[in-house]
């Protein structure tokens, strides 16, 4: 019984270290995602409508598209990395992994649907 009591502080220390490590890793992944993913507003020219065409997106940094795209089914914008990481506004969105959901209207946390409200 005394050996078990002596092990409790060591187990608590290991548990705390594990929780701290996982928390640090999660924060690092969030920071990396924040640095790589940019928001892009969908603005096709004229009557064109191809949300998979990266030329129809403009870099958006005036707010949060998730909040500004209201009630609708049409693509309003996306969250995706830039093809130019050193200067995201000069690049285009990398739509790799989003094409199918954009074409088929599937739900995706990185695709904002609705009407732009600004």
C-alpha atoms as a PDB file:
ATOM      1  CA  UNK A   1       0.000   0.000   0.000  1.00  0.00           C
ATOM      2  CA  UNK A   2       2.858   2.405   0.819  1.00  0.00           C
ATOM      3  CA  UNK A   3       4.456   1.720  -2.573  1.00  0.00           C
ATOM      4  CA  UNK A   4       1.198   2.589  -4.284  1.00  0.00           C
ATOM      5  CA  UNK A   5       0.923   5.849  -2.341  1.00  0.00           C
ATOM      6  CA  UNK A   6       4.487   6.758  -3.371  1.00  0.00           C
ATOM      7  CA  UNK A   7       3.591   6.195  -7.039  1.00  0.00           C
ATOM      8  CA  UNK A   8       0.603   8.579  -7.032  1.00  0.00           C
ATOM      9  CA  UNK A   9       2.703  11.781  -7.360  1.00  0.00           C
ATOM     10  CA  UNK A  10       4.720  10.210 -10.200  1.00  0.00           C
ATOM     11  CA  UNK A  11       1.531   9.184 -12.032  1.00  0.00           C
ATOM     12  CA  UNK A  12       0.099  12.681 -11.570  1.00  0.00           C
ATOM     13  CA  UNK A  13       3.299  14.166 -12.972  1.00  0.00           C
ATOM     14  CA  UNK A  14       3.160  11.893 -16.035  1.00  0.00           C
ATOM     15  CA  UNK A  15      -0.498  12.685 -16.601  1.00  0.00           C
ATOM     16  CA  UNK A  16       0.175  16.423 -16.368  1.00  0.00           C
ATOM     17  CA  UNK A  17       3.112  16.146 -18.760  1.00  0.00           C
ATOM     18  CA  UNK A  18       0.962  14.223 -21.256  1.00  0.00           C
ATOM     19  CA  UNK A  19      -1.843  16.788 -21.132  1.00  0.00           C
ATOM     20  CA  UNK A  20       0.654  19.652 -21.519  1.00  0.00           C
ATOM     21  CA  UNK A  21       2.299  17.982 -24.531  1.00  0.00           C
ATOM     22  CA  UNK A  22      -1.004  17.348 -26.311  1.00  0.00           C
ATOM     23  CA  UNK A  23      -2.156  20.909 -25.609  1.00  0.00           C
ATOM     24  CA  UNK A  24       1.098  22.355 -26.985  1.00  0.00           C
ATOM     25  CA  UNK A  25       0.812  20.213 -30.123  1.00  0.00           C
ATOM     26  CA  UNK A  26      -2.803  21.319 -30.711  1.00  0.00           C
ATOM     27  CA  UNK A  27      -1.847  24.988 -30.346  1.00  0.00           C
ATOM     28  CA  UNK A  28       1.034  24.531 -32.783  1.00  0.00           C
ATOM     29  CA  UNK A  29      -1.299  22.936 -35.353  1.00  0.00           C
ATOM     30  CA  UNK A  30      -3.832  25.773 -34.960  1.00  0.00           C
ATOM     31  CA  UNK A  31      -1.091  28.377 -35.418  1.00  0.00           C
ATOM     32  CA  UNK A  32       0.209  26.591 -38.510  1.00  0.00           C
ATOM     33  CA  UNK A  33      -3.286  26.396 -39.946  1.00  0.00           C
ATOM     34  CA  UNK A  34      -3.873  30.096 -39.235  1.00  0.00           C
ATOM     35  CA  UNK A  35      -0.683  30.976 -41.089  1.00  0.00           C
ATOM     36  CA  UNK A  36      -1.346  28.791 -44.123  1.00  0.00           C
ATOM     37  CA  UNK A  37      -5.105  29.010 -44.682  1.00  0.00           C
ATOM     38  CA  UNK A  38      -6.387  32.272 -46.100  1.00  0.00           C
ATOM     39  CA  UNK A  39      -9.923  33.356 -46.862  1.00  0.00           C
ATOM     40  CA  UNK A  40     -10.931  33.882 -50.479  1.00  0.00           C
ATOM     41  CA  UNK A  41     -14.150  35.480 -51.698  1.00  0.00           C
ATOM     42  CA  UNK A  42     -15.758  33.967 -54.782  1.00  0.00           C
ATOM     43  CA  UNK A  43     -16.340  36.639 -57.430  1.00  0.00           C
ATOM     44  CA  UNK A  44     -16.708  35.192 -60.925  1.00  0.00           C
ATOM     45  CA  UNK A  45     -16.748  37.608 -63.876  1.00  0.00           C
ATOM     46  CA  UNK A  46     -20.116  38.275 -65.519  1.00  0.00           C
ATOM     47  CA  UNK A  47     -22.336  35.223 -65.694  1.00  0.00           C
ATOM     48  CA  UNK A  48     -19.496  32.718 -65.258  1.00  0.00           C
ATOM     49  CA  UNK A  49     -20.094  30.165 -62.532  1.00  0.00           C
ATOM     50  CA  UNK A  50     -17.305  27.699 -61.841  1.00  0.00           C
ATOM     51  CA  UNK A  51     -16.351  27.597 -58.157  1.00  0.00           C
ATOM     52  CA  UNK A  52     -13.468  25.222 -58.961  1.00  0.00           C
ATOM     53  CA  UNK A  53     -11.721  27.924 -61.035  1.00  0.00           C
ATOM     54  CA  UNK A  54      -9.128  29.511 -58.767  1.00  0.00           C
ATOM     55  CA  UNK A  55      -9.055  32.608 -60.995  1.00  0.00           C
ATOM     56  CA  UNK A  56     -12.547  33.502 -59.760  1.00  0.00           C
ATOM     57  CA  UNK A  57     -11.404  34.083 -56.178  1.00  0.00           C
ATOM     58  CA  UNK A  58      -9.937  37.180 -54.571  1.00  0.00           C
ATOM     59  CA  UNK A  59      -7.966  37.245 -51.343  1.00  0.00           C
ATOM     60  CA  UNK A  60     -10.210  38.451 -48.517  1.00  0.00           C
ATOM     61  CA  UNK A  61      -8.874  39.990 -45.314  1.00  0.00           C
ATOM     62  CA  UNK A  62     -11.644  42.424 -44.337  1.00  0.00           C
ATOM     63  CA  UNK A  63     -13.383  40.098 -41.865  1.00  0.00           C
ATOM     64  CA  UNK A  64     -14.561  36.536 -41.430  1.00  0.00           C
ATOM     65  CA  UNK A  65     -16.369  35.057 -44.429  1.00  0.00           C
ATOM     66  CA  UNK A  66     -18.006  32.448 -42.221  1.00  0.00           C
ATOM     67  CA  UNK A  67     -19.933  35.263 -40.551  1.00  0.00           C
ATOM     68  CA  UNK A  68     -20.416  37.409 -43.656  1.00  0.00           C
ATOM     69  CA  UNK A  69     -21.817  34.733 -45.981  1.00  0.00           C
ATOM     70  CA  UNK A  70     -25.494  34.530 -45.049  1.00  0.00           C
ATOM     71  CA  UNK A  71     -28.252  32.021 -45.858  1.00  0.00           C
ATOM     72  CA  UNK A  72     -27.795  30.476 -49.249  1.00  0.00           C
ATOM     73  CA  UNK A  73     -26.524  27.494 -51.162  1.00  0.00           C
ATOM     74  CA  UNK A  74     -24.205  29.256 -53.616  1.00  0.00           C
ATOM     75  CA  UNK A  75     -20.460  29.388 -52.935  1.00  0.00           C
ATOM     76  CA  UNK A  76     -19.539  32.645 -51.237  1.00  0.00           C
ATOM     77  CA  UNK A  77     -15.894  31.905 -50.450  1.00  0.00           C
ATOM     78  CA  UNK A  78     -13.358  29.367 -49.269  1.00  0.00           C
ATOM     79  CA  UNK A  79     -10.616  28.963 -46.722  1.00  0.00           C
ATOM     80  CA  UNK A  80      -7.542  27.562 -48.452  1.00  0.00           C
ATOM     81  CA  UNK A  81      -3.776  28.029 -48.597  1.00  0.00           C
ATOM     82  CA  UNK A  82      -2.347  30.491 -51.087  1.00  0.00           C
ATOM     83  CA  UNK A  83      -0.298  29.426 -54.078  1.00  0.00           C
ATOM     84  CA  UNK A  84       2.093  32.192 -52.970  1.00  0.00           C
ATOM     85  CA  UNK A  85       2.731  31.630 -49.228  1.00  0.00           C
ATOM     86  CA  UNK A  86       5.165  34.549 -48.916  1.00  0.00           C
ATOM     87  CA  UNK A  87       2.553  36.990 -50.247  1.00  0.00           C
ATOM     88  CA  UNK A  88      -0.896  35.340 -50.034  1.00  0.00           C
ATOM     89  CA  UNK A  89      -2.754  38.268 -51.614  1.00  0.00           C
ATOM     90  CA  UNK A  90      -0.634  37.951 -54.763  1.00  0.00           C
ATOM     91  CA  UNK A  91      -1.445  34.257 -55.116  1.00  0.00           C
ATOM     92  CA  UNK A  92      -4.544  32.244 -55.803  1.00  0.00           C
ATOM     93  CA  UNK A  93      -6.332  29.755 -53.552  1.00  0.00           C
ATOM     94  CA  UNK A  94      -5.053  26.194 -53.676  1.00  0.00           C
ATOM     95  CA  UNK A  95      -8.362  24.362 -54.091  1.00  0.00           C
ATOM     96  CA  UNK A  96      -6.804  20.901 -53.841  1.00  0.00           C
ATOM     97  CA  UNK A  97      -9.133  18.753 -51.788  1.00  0.00           C
ATOM     98  CA  UNK A  98     -12.084  21.127 -52.185  1.00  0.00           C
ATOM     99  CA  UNK A  99     -12.956  20.546 -55.864  1.00  0.00           C
ATOM    100  CA  UNK A 100     -15.397  17.664 -55.339  1.00  0.00           C
ATOM    101  CA  UNK A 101     -17.252  19.433 -52.542  1.00  0.00           C
ATOM    102  CA  UNK A 102     -17.382  22.647 -54.590  1.00  0.00           C
ATOM    103  CA  UNK A 103     -18.759  20.837 -57.655  1.00  0.00           C
ATOM    104  CA  UNK A 104     -21.285  18.672 -55.825  1.00  0.00           C
ATOM    105  CA  UNK A 105     -22.390  21.142 -53.148  1.00  0.00           C
ATOM    106  CA  UNK A 106     -21.198  18.916 -50.308  1.00  0.00           C
ATOM    107  CA  UNK A 107     -20.816  20.434 -46.849  1.00  0.00           C
ATOM    108  CA  UNK A 108     -17.241  21.359 -45.988  1.00  0.00           C
ATOM    109  CA  UNK A 109     -15.975  23.534 -43.130  1.00  0.00           C
ATOM    110  CA  UNK A 110     -13.613  25.296 -45.582  1.00  0.00           C
ATOM    111  CA  UNK A 111     -16.371  26.262 -48.023  1.00  0.00           C
ATOM    112  CA  UNK A 112     -18.628  29.178 -47.125  1.00  0.00           C
ATOM    113  CA  UNK A 113     -22.031  29.215 -48.762  1.00  0.00           C
ATOM    114  CA  UNK A 114     -24.559  32.016 -48.853  1.00  0.00           C
ATOM    115  CA  UNK A 115     -24.883  35.611 -49.936  1.00  0.00           C
ATOM    116  CA  UNK A 116     -22.104  38.036 -49.130  1.00  0.00           C
ATOM    117  CA  UNK A 117     -23.540  40.501 -46.606  1.00  0.00           C
ATOM    118  CA  UNK A 118     -21.013  43.325 -46.524  1.00  0.00           C
END
